[in-house]
C-alpha atoms as a PDB file:
ATOM      1  CA  MET A   1     191.252 -86.105 183.857  1.00  0.00           C
ATOM      2  CA  PRO A   2     188.420 -85.365 186.199  1.00  0.00           C
ATOM      3  CA  PRO A   3     185.068 -86.030 184.347  1.00  0.00           C
ATOM      4  CA  HIS A   4     183.160 -82.506 183.391  1.00  0.00           C
ATOM      5  CA  THR A   5     186.508 -81.139 182.723  1.00  0.00           C
ATOM      6  CA  ILE A   6     186.938 -78.757 179.591  1.00  0.00           C
ATOM      7  CA  THR A   7     190.060 -79.339 177.817  1.00  0.00           C
ATOM      8  CA  SER A   8     189.633 -77.621 174.125  1.00  0.00           C
ATOM      9  CA  LEU A   9     188.185 -74.367 173.167  1.00  0.00           C
ATOM     10  CA  ALA A  10     185.367 -75.669 171.414  1.00  0.00           C
ATOM     11  CA  ASP A  11     184.101 -77.132 174.201  1.00  0.00           C
ATOM     12  CA  LEU A  12     184.468 -74.076 176.205  1.00  0.00           C
ATOM     13  CA  GLU A  13     182.958 -71.919 173.446  1.00  0.00           C
ATOM     14  CA  THR A  14     179.517 -74.257 173.317  1.00  0.00           C
ATOM     15  CA  LEU A  15     178.527 -73.522 176.992  1.00  0.00           C
ATOM     16  CA  TYR A  16     178.660 -69.473 176.495  1.00  0.00           C
ATOM     17  CA  ALA A  17     176.781 -67.038 174.341  1.00  0.00           C
ATOM     18  CA  GLN A  18     178.386 -64.709 171.753  1.00  0.00           C
ATOM     19  CA  PRO A  19     180.463 -61.900 173.235  1.00  0.00           C
ATOM     20  CA  ALA A  20     178.155 -58.901 173.935  1.00  0.00           C
ATOM     21  CA  PRO A  21     179.089 -56.021 171.269  1.00  0.00           C
ATOM     22  CA  ALA A  22     180.006 -53.586 173.832  1.00  0.00           C
ATOM     23  CA  SER A  23     182.457 -56.065 175.577  1.00  0.00           C
ATOM     24  CA  LEU A  24     184.336 -55.963 172.424  1.00  0.00           C
ATOM     25  CA  ALA A  25     183.874 -52.439 171.203  1.00  0.00           C
ATOM     26  CA  LYS A  26     185.707 -51.263 174.788  1.00  0.00           C
ATOM     27  CA  GLU A  27     188.773 -52.793 174.259  1.00  0.00           C
ATOM     28  CA  VAL A  28     191.596 -50.805 172.684  1.00  0.00           C
ATOM     29  CA  ASP A  29     195.335 -50.706 172.514  1.00  0.00           C
ATOM     30  CA  TYR A  30     195.837 -47.430 173.990  1.00  0.00           C
ATOM     31  CA  LEU A  31     194.966 -45.188 177.073  1.00  0.00           C
ATOM     32  CA  HIS A  32     191.599 -43.306 176.074  1.00  0.00           C
ATOM     33  CA  PRO A  33     191.025 -40.247 177.870  1.00  0.00           C
ATOM     34  CA  HIS A  34     188.607 -41.844 179.133  1.00  0.00           C
ATOM     35  CA  TYR A  35     190.462 -44.708 180.612  1.00  0.00           C
ATOM     36  CA  ARG A  36     192.958 -42.305 181.736  1.00  0.00           C
ATOM     37  CA  ALA A  37     190.568 -40.764 183.932  1.00  0.00           C
ATOM     38  CA  PHE A  38     190.528 -43.899 185.935  1.00  0.00           C
ATOM     39  CA  VAL A  39     193.990 -44.771 186.263  1.00  0.00           C
ATOM     40  CA  GLU A  40     194.687 -41.004 187.334  1.00  0.00           C
ATOM     41  CA  VAL A  41     192.521 -41.283 190.477  1.00  0.00           C
ATOM     42  CA  ALA A  42     193.112 -45.016 191.575  1.00  0.00           C
ATOM     43  CA  PRO A  43     194.817 -45.559 194.854  1.00  0.00           C
ATOM     44  CA  PHE A  44     195.050 -49.100 194.614  1.00  0.00           C
ATOM     45  CA  CYS A  45     195.544 -51.719 191.503  1.00  0.00           C
ATOM     46  CA  LEU A  46     196.879 -55.407 191.365  1.00  0.00           C
ATOM     47  CA  LEU A  47     199.790 -56.361 189.581  1.00  0.00           C
ATOM     48  CA  SER A  48     199.595 -59.965 187.749  1.00  0.00           C
ATOM     49  CA  THR A  49     203.207 -61.307 186.379  1.00  0.00           C
ATOM     50  CA  SER A  50     204.093 -64.833 185.430  1.00  0.00           C
ATOM     51  CA  ASN A  51     207.038 -67.181 185.559  1.00  0.00           C
ATOM     52  CA  ALA A  52     207.896 -70.310 183.766  1.00  0.00           C
ATOM     53  CA  THR A  53     206.225 -72.388 186.705  1.00  0.00           C
ATOM     54  CA  GLY A  54     203.249 -70.187 187.371  1.00  0.00           C
ATOM     55  CA  GLY A  55     201.972 -66.861 188.297  1.00  0.00           C
ATOM     56  CA  ASP A  56     201.644 -63.997 191.093  1.00  0.00           C
ATOM     57  CA  CYS A  57     199.270 -61.433 191.766  1.00  0.00           C
ATOM     58  CA  SER A  58     200.282 -58.840 194.086  1.00  0.00           C
ATOM     59  CA  PRO A  59     198.415 -55.286 195.370  1.00  0.00           C
ATOM     60  CA  ARG A  60     199.840 -51.994 194.536  1.00  0.00           C
ATOM     61  CA  GLY A  61     198.601 -48.854 196.302  1.00  0.00           C
ATOM     62  CA  ASP A  62     199.591 -45.369 197.127  1.00  0.00           C
ATOM     63  CA  ALA A  63     197.825 -41.892 196.897  1.00  0.00           C
ATOM     64  CA  PRO A  64     195.517 -41.847 193.961  1.00  0.00           C
ATOM     65  CA  GLY A  65     197.411 -41.464 190.603  1.00  0.00           C
ATOM     66  CA  PHE A  66     200.274 -43.250 192.281  1.00  0.00           C
ATOM     67  CA  VAL A  67     200.497 -45.079 188.775  1.00  0.00           C
ATOM     68  CA  GLN A  68     201.513 -42.316 186.326  1.00  0.00           C
ATOM     69  CA  VAL A  69     200.593 -41.748 182.713  1.00  0.00           C
ATOM     70  CA  LEU A  70     203.509 -41.135 180.923  1.00  0.00           C
ATOM     71  CA  ASP A  71     201.784 -41.036 177.269  1.00  0.00           C
ATOM     72  CA  ASP A  72     198.595 -43.177 175.994  1.00  0.00           C
ATOM     73  CA  ARG A  73     200.619 -46.134 175.871  1.00  0.00           C
ATOM     74  CA  THR A  74     203.130 -45.797 178.769  1.00  0.00           C
ATOM     75  CA  LEU A  75     202.813 -46.059 182.337  1.00  0.00           C
ATOM     76  CA  LEU A  76     204.761 -45.472 185.262  1.00  0.00           C
ATOM     77  CA  LEU A  77     204.648 -47.810 188.522  1.00  0.00           C
ATOM     78  CA  PRO A  78     207.023 -47.440 191.503  1.00  0.00           C
ATOM     79  CA  ASP A  79     207.814 -50.535 193.482  1.00  0.00           C
ATOM     80  CA  ARG A  80     207.541 -48.991 196.862  1.00  0.00           C
ATOM     81  CA  ARG A  81     208.789 -50.594 199.993  1.00  0.00           C
ATOM     82  CA  GLY A  82     207.903 -54.194 200.812  1.00  0.00           C
ATOM     83  CA  ASN A  83     209.324 -57.409 202.232  1.00  0.00           C
ATOM     84  CA  ASN A  84     211.990 -57.503 199.911  1.00  0.00           C
ATOM     85  CA  ARG A  85     210.664 -61.247 198.252  1.00  0.00           C
ATOM     86  CA  ILE A  86     210.314 -58.905 194.748  1.00  0.00           C
ATOM     87  CA  ASP A  87     208.400 -61.988 193.340  1.00  0.00           C
ATOM     88  CA  SER A  88     206.981 -59.616 190.753  1.00  0.00           C
ATOM     89  CA  LEU A  89     210.074 -58.224 189.728  1.00  0.00           C
ATOM     90  CA  ARG A  90     212.139 -61.514 189.453  1.00  0.00           C
ATOM     91  CA  ASN A  91     209.175 -62.757 187.049  1.00  0.00           C
ATOM     92  CA  ILE A  92     209.370 -59.674 184.760  1.00  0.00           C
ATOM     93  CA  VAL A  93     213.130 -60.044 184.509  1.00  0.00           C
ATOM     94  CA  THR A  94     212.409 -63.690 182.917  1.00  0.00           C
ATOM     95  CA  ASP A  95     208.796 -62.600 181.448  1.00  0.00           C
ATOM     96  CA  PRO A  96     208.028 -59.069 180.754  1.00  0.00           C
ATOM     97  CA  ARG A  97     204.103 -59.646 180.276  1.00  0.00           C
ATOM     98  CA  VAL A  98     202.063 -57.771 183.186  1.00  0.00           C
ATOM     99  CA  GLY A  99     198.277 -57.469 184.035  1.00  0.00           C
ATOM    100  CA  LEU A 100     196.909 -54.584 186.188  1.00  0.00           C
ATOM    101  CA  LEU A 101     193.482 -54.126 187.451  1.00  0.00           C
ATOM    102  CA  PHE A 102     192.820 -50.668 188.804  1.00  0.00           C
ATOM    103  CA  LEU A 103     190.046 -50.368 191.657  1.00  0.00           C
ATOM    104  CA  ILE A 104     188.610 -46.881 193.031  1.00  0.00           C
ATOM    105  CA  PRO A 105     186.810 -46.869 196.507  1.00  0.00           C
ATOM    106  CA  GLY A 106     183.015 -46.478 195.648  1.00  0.00           C
ATOM    107  CA  ILE A 107     183.264 -47.074 191.827  1.00  0.00           C
ATOM    108  CA  ASN A 108     182.145 -50.838 190.702  1.00  0.00           C
ATOM    109  CA  GLU A 109     183.779 -50.726 187.164  1.00  0.00           C
ATOM    110  CA  THR A 110     187.407 -51.734 187.232  1.00  0.00           C
ATOM    111  CA  LEU A 111     189.836 -51.080 184.351  1.00  0.00           C
ATOM    112  CA  ARG A 112     192.051 -53.611 183.109  1.00  0.00           C
ATOM    113  CA  ILE A 113     195.303 -52.851 181.304  1.00  0.00           C
ATOM    114  CA  SER A 114     197.694 -55.742 179.816  1.00  0.00           C
ATOM    115  CA  GLY A 115     201.351 -54.818 178.509  1.00  0.00           C
ATOM    116  CA  THR A 116     204.842 -55.350 178.930  1.00  0.00           C
ATOM    117  CA  ALA A 117     207.020 -54.208 181.931  1.00  0.00           C
ATOM    118  CA  THR A 118     210.847 -53.146 182.006  1.00  0.00           C
ATOM    119  CA  ILE A 119     212.487 -52.377 185.253  1.00  0.00           C
ATOM    120  CA  SER A 120     214.201 -49.025 185.686  1.00  0.00           C
ATOM    121  CA  THR A 121     216.614 -47.371 188.069  1.00  0.00           C
ATOM    122  CA  ASP A 122     216.656 -44.142 186.284  1.00  0.00           C
ATOM    123  CA  PRO A 123     217.255 -41.596 188.748  1.00  0.00           C
ATOM    124  CA  ALA A 124     215.062 -38.878 186.992  1.00  0.00           C
ATOM    125  CA  LEU A 125     212.047 -41.533 187.462  1.00  0.00           C
ATOM    126  CA  LEU A 126     213.044 -42.521 191.029  1.00  0.00           C
ATOM    127  CA  GLU A 127     213.167 -38.748 191.778  1.00  0.00           C
ATOM    128  CA  ARG A 128     209.732 -38.604 190.431  1.00  0.00           C
ATOM    129  CA  TYR A 129     208.491 -40.925 193.102  1.00  0.00           C
ATOM    130  CA  THR A 130     210.622 -39.760 195.848  1.00  0.00           C
ATOM    131  CA  VAL A 131     208.478 -39.232 199.306  1.00  0.00           C
ATOM    132  CA  ASP A 132     209.896 -37.795 202.467  1.00  0.00           C
ATOM    133  CA  GLY A 133     213.252 -38.100 200.943  1.00  0.00           C
ATOM    134  CA  LYS A 134     212.876 -41.781 200.085  1.00  0.00           C
ATOM    135  CA  PRO A 135     212.716 -42.790 196.384  1.00  0.00           C
ATOM    136  CA  PRO A 136     211.400 -46.268 195.315  1.00  0.00           C
ATOM    137  CA  THR A 137     214.239 -48.595 194.314  1.00  0.00           C
ATOM    138  CA  THR A 138     212.869 -49.085 190.865  1.00  0.00           C
ATOM    139  CA  VAL A 139     210.122 -48.053 188.738  1.00  0.00           C
ATOM    140  CA  LEU A 140     207.940 -50.266 186.157  1.00  0.00           C
ATOM    141  CA  VAL A 141     207.913 -48.989 182.942  1.00  0.00           C
ATOM    142  CA  ILE A 142     204.760 -50.507 181.108  1.00  0.00           C
ATOM    143  CA  ALA A 143     204.167 -50.573 177.515  1.00  0.00           C
ATOM    144  CA  ILE A 144     200.355 -51.074 177.097  1.00  0.00           C
ATOM    145  CA  GLN A 145     199.068 -53.369 174.670  1.00  0.00           C
ATOM    146  CA  THR A 146     195.504 -53.506 175.826  1.00  0.00           C
ATOM    147  CA  VAL A 147     192.899 -51.625 178.043  1.00  0.00           C
ATOM    148  CA  TYR A 148     189.374 -52.830 178.970  1.00  0.00           C
ATOM    149  CA  PHE A 149     186.960 -51.670 181.478  1.00  0.00           C
ATOM    150  CA  GLN A 150     185.105 -54.693 183.316  1.00  0.00           C
ATOM    151  CA  CYS A 151     181.421 -53.867 183.869  1.00  0.00           C
ATOM    152  CA  ALA A 152     180.101 -53.599 187.796  1.00  0.00           C
ATOM    153  CA  ARG A 153     178.713 -57.145 188.087  1.00  0.00           C
ATOM    154  CA  ALA A 154     181.416 -58.782 190.145  1.00  0.00           C
ATOM    155  CA  LEU A 155     181.749 -55.595 192.865  1.00  0.00           C
ATOM    156  CA  VAL A 156     177.809 -55.385 192.787  1.00  0.00           C
ATOM    157  CA  ARG A 157     177.684 -58.989 193.852  1.00  0.00           C
ATOM    158  CA  SER A 158     180.524 -58.758 196.543  1.00  0.00           C
ATOM    159  CA  HIS A 159     179.171 -55.504 197.924  1.00  0.00           C
ATOM    160  CA  LEU A 160     182.820 -54.686 197.937  1.00  0.00           C
ATOM    161  CA  TRP A 161     182.121 -50.853 199.032  1.00  0.00           C
ATOM    162  CA  SER A 162     179.232 -51.511 201.371  1.00  0.00           C
ATOM    163  CA  PRO A 163     180.100 -50.743 205.076  1.00  0.00           C
ATOM    164  CA  GLU A 164     177.622 -53.407 205.966  1.00  0.00           C
ATOM    165  CA  ALA A 165     180.116 -55.897 204.045  1.00  0.00           C
ATOM    166  CA  GLN A 166     183.120 -55.114 206.251  1.00  0.00           C
ATOM    167  CA  ILE A 167     184.495 -57.661 208.365  1.00  0.00           C
ATOM    168  CA  ALA A 168     186.194 -56.640 211.491  1.00  0.00           C
ATOM    169  CA  ARG A 169     189.524 -57.217 211.488  1.00  0.00           C
ATOM    170  CA  SER A 170     189.584 -59.191 214.789  1.00  0.00           C
ATOM    171  CA  ALA A 171     187.239 -61.769 213.080  1.00  0.00           C
ATOM    172  CA  LEU A 172     190.314 -63.126 211.528  1.00  0.00           C
ATOM    173  CA  PRO A 173     193.535 -64.213 212.936  1.00  0.00           C
ATOM    174  CA  SER A 174     196.532 -61.534 213.093  1.00  0.00           C
ATOM    175  CA  THR A 175     199.600 -61.088 211.449  1.00  0.00           C
ATOM    176  CA  GLY A 176     201.678 -62.285 214.395  1.00  0.00           C
ATOM    177  CA  THR A 177     199.379 -65.462 214.642  1.00  0.00           C
ATOM    178  CA  MET A 178     199.621 -66.580 210.943  1.00  0.00           C
ATOM    179  CA  VAL A 179     203.489 -65.983 211.087  1.00  0.00           C
ATOM    180  CA  ALA A 180     204.113 -67.498 214.363  1.00  0.00           C
ATOM    181  CA  THR A 181     202.181 -70.610 213.454  1.00  0.00           C
ATOM    182  CA  LEU A 182     203.684 -70.493 209.783  1.00  0.00           C
ATOM    183  CA  SER A 183     207.151 -70.461 211.273  1.00  0.00           C
ATOM    184  CA  GLN A 184     206.399 -73.061 213.806  1.00  0.00           C
ATOM    185  CA  ASN A 185     206.848 -70.148 216.525  1.00  0.00           C
ATOM    186  CA  ALA A 186     210.199 -69.332 215.392  1.00  0.00           C
ATOM    187  CA  ILE A 187     208.678 -65.812 215.047  1.00  0.00           C
ATOM    188  CA  ASP A 188     206.983 -64.438 218.101  1.00  0.00           C
ATOM    189  CA  GLY A 189     203.491 -63.732 217.220  1.00  0.00           C
ATOM    190  CA  GLU A 190     202.903 -61.093 220.256  1.00  0.00           C
ATOM    191  CA  ALA A 191     205.582 -59.045 219.551  1.00  0.00           C
ATOM    192  CA  TYR A 192     205.118 -59.223 215.937  1.00  0.00           C
ATOM    193  CA  ASP A 193     201.433 -58.074 216.218  1.00  0.00           C
ATOM    194  CA  ARG A 194     202.549 -55.498 218.896  1.00  0.00           C
ATOM    195  CA  GLU A 195     205.731 -54.172 216.929  1.00  0.00           C
ATOM    196  CA  LEU A 196     203.500 -54.035 213.430  1.00  0.00           C
ATOM    197  CA  PRO A 197     201.702 -50.570 213.647  1.00  0.00           C
ATOM    198  CA  GLU A 198     204.890 -48.587 214.387  1.00  0.00           C
ATOM    199  CA  ARG A 199     206.661 -50.604 211.800  1.00  0.00           C
ATOM    200  CA  LEU A 200     204.306 -49.752 208.868  1.00  0.00           C
ATOM    201  CA  ARG A 201     204.513 -46.482 210.048  1.00  0.00           C
ATOM    202  CA  LYS A 202     208.218 -46.085 209.770  1.00  0.00           C
ATOM    203  CA  THR A 203     208.220 -48.198 206.519  1.00  0.00           C
ATOM    204  CA  LEU A 204     205.786 -46.984 204.161  1.00  0.00           C
ATOM    205  CA  TYR A 205     208.229 -45.492 201.829  1.00  0.00           C
END
């Protein structure tokens, strides 16, 4: 074990003060109306899942309120078209525990929800999420266990919503460059970049 490594809860807790009272009061086991307001306007969230060998965290996004509130203990999340790796769904089949972190443009607080998920192909749920005649393949039905809002410090420190903090896409390797390199040029990077805008337009749903 490397030196200065924390290996017990007792050692960890000696490093930190007691939790602030507000941090304990704001955690509940249902979707309070104040928290529901966050979910209903959020266009983006991160979905975390786990399996026997590790974990996964993936982005989910759509029109504001794309995560729908079925009731104060249940959320619905459509699985929109993607790359078909279905890493998150594979994890949920074996371990239903999930975490969601909601982000709202311009708002520095984030909302954290933990619970368990089941994967549904209920025609009524798929129809509920149909866009341009295209339903999602599945919908996650998430049973809420805890809900908590994170304070603004992380987003304030990062200047996440500040226009001055934005980085030009050209400052980083293009998607085509990355897939070409990682595939050892089995994938044509220039063609990938050239076709990407149209491919995204056609495959959003």
